[in-house]
Amino acid sequence: MVSKAIMLVSAGVRIASPVGSVVICTSGHKVGSLRRCLDSLKSQSENDIEVVLVTREELPSDLKAMTSRVILERRKGISLARNLGIAQTKCPLVAFTDDDCVCHPEWVSNIFSPFADARIGVVTGRVLSLGSGKVLAAREDVTPETFDRPAASYWRMGGGNNMAARREVLTRAGGFDVSLTTAEDMDMFYKTTLQGNLLRYQPEAIIYHEKADTKTAFLKECYYYRRGEGELYSKYRKRITNFNPVGSLKNRDKDLIKHGVKGLTHLNLPAAAEGFLSAAALTLAFCSYDFRASRRH
């Protein structure tokens, strides 16, 4: 039976071998997790893919052999790394996942199949925890959804560790924004829908994500996610008409502070730290984004 990815010819996309590219960015420090991720790509039902790996550190030769291409880039930044990866891909469709993720065997087929609709520019999928517990900033529900504009609840659009896009759409959007600390994926979703592309949340495209293994690592994740969220609200505070980023910021701050107070009330110090640290990161990032973005450019 012909795979869903191969049937993309119905959208006018010329399908050759491989059917699509997958870009993975890594610091090079999680060798075991990276090997597990690459193994999951080798086990895909549709495994005729190009795998482009962008790393900050040299990797063992056996890992390099599991990819189509390895790019060594010492500079930090997920947006920088993803843009370098995109530039090295050769396919019209480009998917992204992270080095601490495991791809469901049908992931490649399911993340590429919605592009049979020529109106779709970006596809995201479901992110489940690798093991017990809940992963931060992940959409887990099984209801498909299509977006024609930025969503007020930005997380509903999906995440960058489980996404794919037409290469031309990524290029037209100017790539991932290197001025953002995190939330570069949400920024891409906003930019591409504002340019007239549809974004499809495809719950059948499943990624399993490794959750933080210590309280310190969890708090670090909270800090960087909220920092990116604050920058995103700041960047779009005057650009989007269907919702108010400043109002969203205030509501998020209020919820986070309530979470912190509840943690203190119940003597749950990790929960208190999560709430107050997240609120501080969100607000400070919102207030300082313009200055820091101008310095980075």
C-alpha atoms as a PDB file:
ATOM      1  CA  MET A   1       0.000   0.000   0.000  1.00  0.00           C
ATOM      2  CA  VAL A   2       1.280   3.462  -0.877  1.00  0.00           C
ATOM      3  CA  SER A   3       2.112   5.510   2.256  1.00  0.00           C
ATOM      4  CA  LYS A   4       0.340   8.738   3.101  1.00  0.00           C
ATOM      5  CA  ALA A   5       3.559  10.697   2.626  1.00  0.00           C
ATOM      6  CA  ILE A   6       4.033   9.389  -0.910  1.00  0.00           C
ATOM      7  CA  MET A   7       0.463  10.435  -1.786  1.00  0.00           C
ATOM      8  CA  LEU A   8       1.458  14.098  -1.394  1.00  0.00           C
ATOM      9  CA  VAL A   9       1.477  14.302  -5.169  1.00  0.00           C
ATOM     10  CA  SER A  10      -2.213  15.158  -4.798  1.00  0.00           C
ATOM     11  CA  ALA A  11      -1.108  18.532  -3.442  1.00  0.00           C
ATOM     12  CA  GLY A  12       1.132  19.251  -6.401  1.00  0.00           C
ATOM     13  CA  VAL A  13       4.273  18.506  -4.388  1.00  0.00           C
ATOM     14  CA  ARG A  14       6.865  16.581  -6.378  1.00  0.00           C
ATOM     15  CA  ILE A  15       7.640  13.515  -4.308  1.00  0.00           C
ATOM     16  CA  ALA A  16      10.988  11.867  -4.828  1.00  0.00           C
ATOM     17  CA  SER A  17      13.239   9.823  -2.601  1.00  0.00           C
ATOM     18  CA  PRO A  18      13.472  10.744   0.268  1.00  0.00           C
ATOM     19  CA  VAL A  19       9.912  11.823   1.057  1.00  0.00           C
ATOM     20  CA  GLY A  20      10.961  14.511   3.546  1.00  0.00           C
ATOM     21  CA  SER A  21      13.677  15.873   5.814  1.00  0.00           C
ATOM     22  CA  VAL A  22      13.906  15.650   9.604  1.00  0.00           C
ATOM     23  CA  VAL A  23      16.048  18.212  11.448  1.00  0.00           C
ATOM     24  CA  ILE A  24      17.315  17.455  14.956  1.00  0.00           C
ATOM     25  CA  CYS A  25      19.317  19.960  17.001  1.00  0.00           C
ATOM     26  CA  THR A  26      21.468  18.803  19.905  1.00  0.00           C
ATOM     27  CA  SER A  27      23.997  20.189  22.351  1.00  0.00           C
ATOM     28  CA  GLY A  28      25.876  16.912  21.983  1.00  0.00           C
ATOM     29  CA  HIS A  29      25.667  16.204  25.721  1.00  0.00           C
ATOM     30  CA  LYS A  30      22.747  13.741  25.657  1.00  0.00           C
ATOM     31  CA  VAL A  31      24.370  11.015  23.578  1.00  0.00           C
ATOM     32  CA  GLY A  32      22.162   8.241  24.959  1.00  0.00           C
ATOM     33  CA  SER A  33      18.955  10.180  24.376  1.00  0.00           C
ATOM     34  CA  LEU A  34      20.085  11.203  20.896  1.00  0.00           C
ATOM     35  CA  ARG A  35      20.853   7.600  19.949  1.00  0.00           C
ATOM     36  CA  ARG A  36      17.384   6.589  21.151  1.00  0.00           C
ATOM     37  CA  CYS A  37      15.823   9.353  19.023  1.00  0.00           C
ATOM     38  CA  LEU A  38      17.762   8.340  15.920  1.00  0.00           C
ATOM     39  CA  ASP A  39      16.859   4.683  16.490  1.00  0.00           C
ATOM     40  CA  SER A  40      13.183   5.655  16.514  1.00  0.00           C
ATOM     41  CA  LEU A  41      13.608   7.357  13.143  1.00  0.00           C
ATOM     42  CA  LYS A  42      15.230   4.236  11.712  1.00  0.00           C
ATOM     43  CA  SER A  43      12.171   2.267  12.865  1.00  0.00           C
ATOM     44  CA  GLN A  44       9.629   4.398  11.002  1.00  0.00           C
ATOM     45  CA  SER A  45       7.086   2.723   8.729  1.00  0.00           C
ATOM     46  CA  GLU A  46       8.059   5.441   6.225  1.00  0.00           C
ATOM     47  CA  ASN A  47      11.818   5.544   6.759  1.00  0.00           C
ATOM     48  CA  ASP A  48      12.945   6.896   3.403  1.00  0.00           C
ATOM     49  CA  ILE A  49      13.849  10.245   4.959  1.00  0.00           C
ATOM     50  CA  GLU A  50      16.751  12.651   5.093  1.00  0.00           C
ATOM     51  CA  VAL A  51      18.010  13.205   8.666  1.00  0.00           C
ATOM     52  CA  VAL A  52      19.964  16.431   9.246  1.00  0.00           C
ATOM     53  CA  LEU A  53      21.648  16.743  12.644  1.00  0.00           C
ATOM     54  CA  VAL A  54      22.944  20.064  13.985  1.00  0.00           C
ATOM     55  CA  THR A  55      25.266  19.667  16.984  1.00  0.00           C
ATOM     56  CA  ARG A  56      27.374  21.944  19.192  1.00  0.00           C
ATOM     57  CA  GLU A  57      29.817  19.151  20.066  1.00  0.00           C
ATOM     58  CA  GLU A  58      31.560  16.410  18.131  1.00  0.00           C
ATOM     59  CA  LEU A  59      29.631  13.138  18.168  1.00  0.00           C
ATOM     60  CA  PRO A  60      30.658   9.462  18.009  1.00  0.00           C
ATOM     61  CA  SER A  61      31.029   8.120  14.486  1.00  0.00           C
ATOM     62  CA  ASP A  62      28.235   5.565  14.934  1.00  0.00           C
ATOM     63  CA  LEU A  63      25.755   8.368  15.628  1.00  0.00           C
ATOM     64  CA  LYS A  64      26.925  10.318  12.595  1.00  0.00           C
ATOM     65  CA  ALA A  65      26.373   7.198  10.501  1.00  0.00           C
ATOM     66  CA  MET A  66      22.704   7.190  11.509  1.00  0.00           C
ATOM     67  CA  THR A  67      22.143  10.551   9.793  1.00  0.00           C
ATOM     68  CA  SER A  68      22.271  11.934   6.273  1.00  0.00           C
ATOM     69  CA  ARG A  69      24.251  15.007   7.252  1.00  0.00           C
ATOM     70  CA  VAL A  70      25.878  16.452  10.404  1.00  0.00           C
ATOM     71  CA  ILE A  71      26.491  20.175  10.919  1.00  0.00           C
ATOM     72  CA  LEU A  72      28.854  21.294  13.677  1.00  0.00           C
ATOM     73  CA  GLU A  73      27.878  24.722  15.040  1.00  0.00           C
ATOM     74  CA  ARG A  74      29.490  25.864  18.291  1.00  0.00           C
ATOM     75  CA  ARG A  75      27.253  28.879  18.799  1.00  0.00           C
ATOM     76  CA  LYS A  76      24.259  28.464  21.102  1.00  0.00           C
ATOM     77  CA  GLY A  77      20.642  28.960  20.103  1.00  0.00           C
ATOM     78  CA  ILE A  78      17.896  26.617  18.926  1.00  0.00           C
ATOM     79  CA  SER A  79      16.714  29.082  16.266  1.00  0.00           C
ATOM     80  CA  LEU A  80      20.207  29.418  14.834  1.00  0.00           C
ATOM     81  CA  ALA A  81      20.616  25.636  14.766  1.00  0.00           C
ATOM     82  CA  ARG A  82      17.238  25.021  13.140  1.00  0.00           C
ATOM     83  CA  ASN A  83      17.889  27.640  10.474  1.00  0.00           C
ATOM     84  CA  LEU A  84      21.219  26.006   9.657  1.00  0.00           C
ATOM     85  CA  GLY A  85      19.459  22.656   9.466  1.00  0.00           C
ATOM     86  CA  ILE A  86      16.787  23.986   7.112  1.00  0.00           C
ATOM     87  CA  ALA A  87      19.470  25.425   4.832  1.00  0.00           C
ATOM     88  CA  GLN A  88      21.047  21.965   4.508  1.00  0.00           C
ATOM     89  CA  THR A  89      17.842  20.058   3.720  1.00  0.00           C
ATOM     90  CA  LYS A  90      17.037  18.953   0.194  1.00  0.00           C
ATOM     91  CA  CYS A  91      13.338  18.099   0.500  1.00  0.00           C
ATOM     92  CA  PRO A  92      10.262  20.345   0.099  1.00  0.00           C
ATOM     93  CA  LEU A  93       8.898  19.167   3.469  1.00  0.00           C
ATOM     94  CA  VAL A  94      10.887  19.575   6.695  1.00  0.00           C
ATOM     95  CA  ALA A  95      10.009  18.062  10.085  1.00  0.00           C
ATOM     96  CA  PHE A  96      11.559  18.845  13.468  1.00  0.00           C
ATOM     97  CA  THR A  97      11.993  16.964  16.704  1.00  0.00           C
ATOM     98  CA  ASP A  98      14.403  17.161  19.667  1.00  0.00           C
ATOM     99  CA  ASP A  99      17.229  14.923  20.820  1.00  0.00           C
ATOM    100  CA  ASP A 100      15.320  13.907  23.970  1.00  0.00           C
ATOM    101  CA  CYS A 101      12.281  12.696  22.032  1.00  0.00           C
ATOM    102  CA  VAL A 102      11.219   9.318  20.668  1.00  0.00           C
ATOM    103  CA  CYS A 103       9.136   9.175  17.497  1.00  0.00           C
ATOM    104  CA  HIS A 104       6.146   6.867  17.195  1.00  0.00           C
ATOM    105  CA  PRO A 105       6.692   4.392  14.297  1.00  0.00           C
ATOM    106  CA  GLU A 106       4.000   6.161  12.236  1.00  0.00           C
ATOM    107  CA  TRP A 107       5.231   9.687  13.043  1.00  0.00           C
ATOM    108  CA  VAL A 108       6.885  10.489   9.717  1.00  0.00           C
ATOM    109  CA  SER A 109       3.888   9.277   7.732  1.00  0.00           C
ATOM    110  CA  ASN A 110       1.384  11.142   9.936  1.00  0.00           C
ATOM    111  CA  ILE A 111       3.298  14.426  10.261  1.00  0.00           C
ATOM    112  CA  PHE A 112       3.667  14.706   6.467  1.00  0.00           C
ATOM    113  CA  SER A 113       0.239  13.414   5.356  1.00  0.00           C
ATOM    114  CA  PRO A 114      -1.766  16.657   5.992  1.00  0.00           C
ATOM    115  CA  PHE A 115       0.305  18.435   3.334  1.00  0.00           C
ATOM    116  CA  ALA A 116      -1.853  16.648   0.779  1.00  0.00           C
ATOM    117  CA  ASP A 117      -4.016  19.740   1.346  1.00  0.00           C
ATOM    118  CA  ALA A 118      -2.190  22.519  -0.506  1.00  0.00           C
ATOM    119  CA  ARG A 119      -3.506  25.116   1.968  1.00  0.00           C
ATOM    120  CA  ILE A 120      -1.590  23.556   4.872  1.00  0.00           C
ATOM    121  CA  GLY A 121       1.736  25.244   5.561  1.00  0.00           C
ATOM    122  CA  VAL A 122       2.584  23.833   9.000  1.00  0.00           C
ATOM    123  CA  VAL A 123       1.651  20.645  10.857  1.00  0.00           C
ATOM    124  CA  THR A 124       2.068  19.897  14.564  1.00  0.00           C
ATOM    125  CA  GLY A 125       1.352  16.759  16.551  1.00  0.00           C
ATOM    126  CA  ARG A 126       0.640  15.238  19.927  1.00  0.00           C
ATOM    127  CA  VAL A 127       3.389  15.150  22.589  1.00  0.00           C
ATOM    128  CA  LEU A 128       3.196  12.503  25.287  1.00  0.00           C
ATOM    129  CA  SER A 129       5.468  11.870  28.243  1.00  0.00           C
ATOM    130  CA  LEU A 130       8.196   9.291  27.850  1.00  0.00           C
ATOM    131  CA  GLY A 131       7.307   7.438  31.026  1.00  0.00           C
ATOM    132  CA  SER A 132       5.050   8.656  33.832  1.00  0.00           C
ATOM    133  CA  GLY A 133       4.198  12.286  34.507  1.00  0.00           C
ATOM    134  CA  LYS A 134       3.346  15.268  32.351  1.00  0.00           C
ATOM    135  CA  VAL A 135       5.605  17.150  29.971  1.00  0.00           C
ATOM    136  CA  LEU A 136       5.640  20.949  30.115  1.00  0.00           C
ATOM    137  CA  ALA A 137       4.219  22.962  27.212  1.00  0.00           C
ATOM    138  CA  ALA A 138       2.755  19.961  25.408  1.00  0.00           C
ATOM    139  CA  ARG A 139      -0.591  19.368  23.710  1.00  0.00           C
ATOM    140  CA  GLU A 140      -1.891  15.871  24.398  1.00  0.00           C
ATOM    141  CA  ASP A 141      -5.534  15.815  23.284  1.00  0.00           C
ATOM    142  CA  VAL A 142      -6.812  13.726  20.380  1.00  0.00           C
ATOM    143  CA  THR A 143      -9.005  16.305  18.639  1.00  0.00           C
ATOM    144  CA  PRO A 144      -7.669  17.544  15.271  1.00  0.00           C
ATOM    145  CA  GLU A 145      -7.745  21.303  14.805  1.00  0.00           C
ATOM    146  CA  THR A 146      -6.912  23.731  12.001  1.00  0.00           C
ATOM    147  CA  PHE A 147      -5.755  27.308  12.652  1.00  0.00           C
ATOM    148  CA  ASP A 148      -5.937  30.192  10.196  1.00  0.00           C
ATOM    149  CA  ARG A 149      -4.608  32.783  12.662  1.00  0.00           C
ATOM    150  CA  PRO A 150      -2.573  32.923  15.898  1.00  0.00           C
ATOM    151  CA  ALA A 151      -4.359  31.300  18.827  1.00  0.00           C
ATOM    152  CA  ALA A 152      -4.879  33.226  22.059  1.00  0.00           C
ATOM    153  CA  SER A 153      -4.053  30.006  23.927  1.00  0.00           C
ATOM    154  CA  TYR A 154      -0.806  29.703  22.011  1.00  0.00           C
ATOM    155  CA  TRP A 155       0.012  26.202  23.292  1.00  0.00           C
ATOM    156  CA  ARG A 156      -3.009  24.837  21.403  1.00  0.00           C
ATOM    157  CA  MET A 157      -1.074  25.252  18.168  1.00  0.00           C
ATOM    158  CA  GLY A 158       1.463  22.583  19.158  1.00  0.00           C
ATOM    159  CA  GLY A 159       5.200  22.678  19.750  1.00  0.00           C
ATOM    160  CA  GLY A 160       8.529  22.738  17.958  1.00  0.00           C
ATOM    161  CA  ASN A 161       9.586  19.247  19.044  1.00  0.00           C
ATOM    162  CA  ASN A 162       6.768  17.816  16.923  1.00  0.00           C
ATOM    163  CA  MET A 163       6.235  19.940  13.846  1.00  0.00           C
ATOM    164  CA  ALA A 164       6.716  19.984  10.097  1.00  0.00           C
ATOM    165  CA  ALA A 165       6.424  22.680   7.449  1.00  0.00           C
ATOM    166  CA  ARG A 166       6.836  23.312   3.777  1.00  0.00           C
ATOM    167  CA  ARG A 167      10.387  24.475   3.244  1.00  0.00           C
ATOM    168  CA  GLU A 168       9.180  27.431   1.171  1.00  0.00           C
ATOM    169  CA  VAL A 169       6.879  28.528   4.009  1.00  0.00           C
ATOM    170  CA  LEU A 170       9.767  28.496   6.483  1.00  0.00           C
ATOM    171  CA  THR A 171      11.920  30.485   4.079  1.00  0.00           C
ATOM    172  CA  ARG A 172       9.202  33.026   3.359  1.00  0.00           C
ATOM    173  CA  ALA A 173       8.744  33.520   7.115  1.00  0.00           C
ATOM    174  CA  GLY A 174      12.427  34.364   7.460  1.00  0.00           C
ATOM    175  CA  GLY A 175      13.281  31.233   9.420  1.00  0.00           C
ATOM    176  CA  PHE A 176      13.184  30.955  13.200  1.00  0.00           C
ATOM    177  CA  ASP A 177      13.714  34.209  15.102  1.00  0.00           C
ATOM    178  CA  VAL A 178      17.164  34.213  16.742  1.00  0.00           C
ATOM    179  CA  SER A 179      16.159  37.108  19.040  1.00  0.00           C
ATOM    180  CA  LEU A 180      13.860  34.817  21.045  1.00  0.00           C
ATOM    181  CA  THR A 181      15.198  32.798  23.979  1.00  0.00           C
ATOM    182  CA  THR A 182      12.502  30.144  23.533  1.00  0.00           C
ATOM    183  CA  ALA A 183       8.993  30.177  21.962  1.00  0.00           C
ATOM    184  CA  GLU A 184      10.657  30.365  18.544  1.00  0.00           C
ATOM    185  CA  ASP A 185       8.243  27.619  17.493  1.00  0.00           C
ATOM    186  CA  MET A 186       5.177  29.622  18.549  1.00  0.00           C
ATOM    187  CA  ASP A 187       6.598  32.630  16.761  1.00  0.00           C
ATOM    188  CA  MET A 188       6.897  30.547  13.588  1.00  0.00           C
ATOM    189  CA  PHE A 189       3.283  29.408  13.978  1.00  0.00           C
ATOM    190  CA  TYR A 190       2.188  33.027  14.369  1.00  0.00           C
ATOM    191  CA  LYS A 191       4.228  34.265  11.406  1.00  0.00           C
ATOM    192  CA  THR A 192       3.111  31.556   9.024  1.00  0.00           C
ATOM    193  CA  THR A 193      -0.607  31.832   9.823  1.00  0.00           C
ATOM    194  CA  LEU A 194      -0.431  35.629   9.551  1.00  0.00           C
ATOM    195  CA  GLN A 195       1.033  35.081   6.064  1.00  0.00           C
ATOM    196  CA  GLY A 196      -2.067  33.132   5.050  1.00  0.00           C
ATOM    197  CA  ASN A 197      -1.019  29.527   5.674  1.00  0.00           C
ATOM    198  CA  LEU A 198      -3.108  27.044   7.614  1.00  0.00           C
ATOM    199  CA  LEU A 199      -1.645  25.177  10.586  1.00  0.00           C
ATOM    200  CA  ARG A 200      -2.965  21.698  11.262  1.00  0.00           C
ATOM    201  CA  TYR A 201      -2.793  20.011  14.665  1.00  0.00           C
ATOM    202  CA  GLN A 202      -2.562  16.313  13.779  1.00  0.00           C
ATOM    203  CA  PRO A 203      -2.977  14.156  16.916  1.00  0.00           C
ATOM    204  CA  GLU A 204      -2.006  10.968  15.050  1.00  0.00           C
ATOM    205  CA  ALA A 205       1.544  12.358  14.715  1.00  0.00           C
ATOM    206  CA  ILE A 206       2.909  11.319  18.107  1.00  0.00           C
ATOM    207  CA  ILE A 207       6.189  12.157  19.809  1.00  0.00           C
ATOM    208  CA  TYR A 208       7.243  10.927  23.259  1.00  0.00           C
ATOM    209  CA  HIS A 209       9.211  13.561  25.185  1.00  0.00           C
ATOM    210  CA  GLU A 210      11.583  12.954  28.074  1.00  0.00           C
ATOM    211  CA  LYS A 211      10.420  14.952  31.082  1.00  0.00           C
ATOM    212  CA  ALA A 212      12.743  16.788  33.473  1.00  0.00           C
ATOM    213  CA  ASP A 213      14.351  14.251  35.828  1.00  0.00           C
ATOM    214  CA  THR A 214      15.068  16.594  38.774  1.00  0.00           C
ATOM    215  CA  LYS A 215      13.248  19.462  40.468  1.00  0.00           C
ATOM    216  CA  THR A 216      16.058  21.811  39.479  1.00  0.00           C
ATOM    217  CA  ALA A 217      15.775  20.796  35.830  1.00  0.00           C
ATOM    218  CA  PHE A 218      12.001  21.228  35.998  1.00  0.00           C
ATOM    219  CA  LEU A 219      12.305  24.750  37.419  1.00  0.00           C
ATOM    220  CA  LYS A 220      14.841  25.606  34.733  1.00  0.00           C
ATOM    221  CA  GLU A 221      12.360  24.456  32.088  1.00  0.00           C
ATOM    222  CA  CYS A 222       9.625  26.565  33.695  1.00  0.00           C
ATOM    223  CA  TYR A 223      11.873  29.619  33.698  1.00  0.00           C
ATOM    224  CA  TYR A 224      12.870  29.343  30.033  1.00  0.00           C
ATOM    225  CA  TYR A 225       9.375  28.489  28.788  1.00  0.00           C
ATOM    226  CA  ARG A 226       7.864  31.486  30.579  1.00  0.00           C
ATOM    227  CA  ARG A 227      10.724  33.729  29.441  1.00  0.00           C
ATOM    228  CA  GLY A 228      10.012  32.770  25.851  1.00  0.00           C
ATOM    229  CA  GLU A 229       6.299  33.303  26.371  1.00  0.00           C
ATOM    230  CA  GLY A 230       6.928  36.806  27.701  1.00  0.00           C
ATOM    231  CA  GLU A 231       9.099  37.640  24.697  1.00  0.00           C
ATOM    232  CA  LEU A 232       6.422  36.318  22.353  1.00  0.00           C
ATOM    233  CA  TYR A 233       3.726  38.487  23.939  1.00  0.00           C
ATOM    234  CA  SER A 234       6.033  41.497  23.709  1.00  0.00           C
ATOM    235  CA  LYS A 235       6.895  40.888  20.063  1.00  0.00           C
ATOM    236  CA  TYR A 236       3.241  40.636  19.025  1.00  0.00           C
ATOM    237  CA  ARG A 237       1.659  43.159  21.385  1.00  0.00           C
ATOM    238  CA  LYS A 238       0.960  45.562  18.483  1.00  0.00           C
ATOM    239  CA  ARG A 239       0.686  43.084  15.608  1.00  0.00           C
ATOM    240  CA  ILE A 240      -2.300  40.836  16.310  1.00  0.00           C
ATOM    241  CA  THR A 241      -5.913  41.954  16.308  1.00  0.00           C
ATOM    242  CA  ASN A 242      -7.783  38.760  17.264  1.00  0.00           C
ATOM    243  CA  PHE A 243      -6.439  38.741  20.826  1.00  0.00           C
ATOM    244  CA  ASN A 244      -4.629  41.041  23.235  1.00  0.00           C
ATOM    245  CA  PRO A 245      -1.089  39.845  24.120  1.00  0.00           C
ATOM    246  CA  VAL A 246      -0.888  42.315  27.019  1.00  0.00           C
ATOM    247  CA  GLY A 247      -4.152  40.975  28.439  1.00  0.00           C
ATOM    248  CA  SER A 248      -2.878  37.423  27.978  1.00  0.00           C
ATOM    249  CA  LEU A 249       0.295  38.361  29.853  1.00  0.00           C
ATOM    250  CA  LYS A 250      -1.688  39.756  32.792  1.00  0.00           C
ATOM    251  CA  ASN A 251      -3.913  36.688  32.977  1.00  0.00           C
ATOM    252  CA  ARG A 252      -0.921  34.339  32.852  1.00  0.00           C
ATOM    253  CA  ASP A 253       0.890  36.328  35.553  1.00  0.00           C
ATOM    254  CA  LYS A 254      -2.194  36.197  37.767  1.00  0.00           C
ATOM    255  CA  ASP A 255      -2.514  32.411  37.341  1.00  0.00           C
ATOM    256  CA  LEU A 256       1.177  31.823  38.010  1.00  0.00           C
ATOM    257  CA  ILE A 257       1.181  33.962  41.146  1.00  0.00           C
ATOM    258  CA  LYS A 258      -1.909  32.126  42.406  1.00  0.00           C
ATOM    259  CA  HIS A 259      -0.047  28.872  41.821  1.00  0.00           C
ATOM    260  CA  GLY A 260       2.880  30.197  43.847  1.00  0.00           C
ATOM    261  CA  VAL A 261       0.672  31.361  46.710  1.00  0.00           C
ATOM    262  CA  LYS A 262      -1.129  28.017  46.778  1.00  0.00           C
ATOM    263  CA  GLY A 263       2.255  26.293  46.978  1.00  0.00           C
ATOM    264  CA  LEU A 264       3.256  28.427  49.968  1.00  0.00           C
ATOM    265  CA  THR A 265      -0.087  27.853  51.676  1.00  0.00           C
ATOM    266  CA  HIS A 266       0.352  24.082  51.433  1.00  0.00           C
ATOM    267  CA  LEU A 267       4.093  24.251  52.253  1.00  0.00           C
ATOM    268  CA  ASN A 268       4.853  22.925  48.773  1.00  0.00           C
ATOM    269  CA  LEU A 269       8.051  24.832  48.097  1.00  0.00           C
ATOM    270  CA  PRO A 270       8.693  23.429  44.568  1.00  0.00           C
ATOM    271  CA  ALA A 271       5.200  24.520  43.480  1.00  0.00           C
ATOM    272  CA  ALA A 272       5.710  27.939  45.083  1.00  0.00           C
ATOM    273  CA  ALA A 273       9.070  28.344  43.343  1.00  0.00           C
ATOM    274  CA  GLU A 274       7.541  27.274  40.015  1.00  0.00           C
ATOM    275  CA  GLY A 275       4.758  29.854  40.263  1.00  0.00           C
ATOM    276  CA  PHE A 276       6.787  32.859  41.414  1.00  0.00           C
ATOM    277  CA  LEU A 277       9.828  32.126  39.221  1.00  0.00           C
ATOM    278  CA  SER A 278       7.628  31.659  36.164  1.00  0.00           C
ATOM    279  CA  ALA A 279       5.719  34.907  36.814  1.00  0.00           C
ATOM    280  CA  ALA A 280       8.969  36.829  37.250  1.00  0.00           C
ATOM    281  CA  ALA A 281      10.492  35.362  34.077  1.00  0.00           C
ATOM    282  CA  LEU A 282       7.342  36.117  32.090  1.00  0.00           C
ATOM    283  CA  THR A 283       7.114  39.757  33.169  1.00  0.00           C
ATOM    284  CA  LEU A 284      10.822  40.571  32.918  1.00  0.00           C
ATOM    285  CA  ALA A 285      11.069  39.017  29.457  1.00  0.00           C
ATOM    286  CA  PHE A 286       8.058  40.992  28.254  1.00  0.00           C
ATOM    287  CA  CYS A 287       9.525  44.273  29.529  1.00  0.00           C
ATOM    288  CA  SER A 288      13.062  43.729  28.232  1.00  0.00           C
ATOM    289  CA  TYR A 289      12.463  41.986  24.893  1.00  0.00           C
ATOM    290  CA  ASP A 290      12.712  45.032  22.607  1.00  0.00           C
ATOM    291  CA  PHE A 291      16.049  46.083  24.094  1.00  0.00           C
ATOM    292  CA  ARG A 292      17.591  42.616  23.940  1.00  0.00           C
ATOM    293  CA  ALA A 293      16.238  41.918  20.456  1.00  0.00           C
ATOM    294  CA  SER A 294      17.797  45.118  19.105  1.00  0.00           C
ATOM    295  CA  ARG A 295      21.172  44.127  20.594  1.00  0.00           C
ATOM    296  CA  ARG A 296      21.037  40.639  19.046  1.00  0.00           C
ATOM    297  CA  HIS A 297      20.289  42.053  15.618  1.00  0.00           C
END
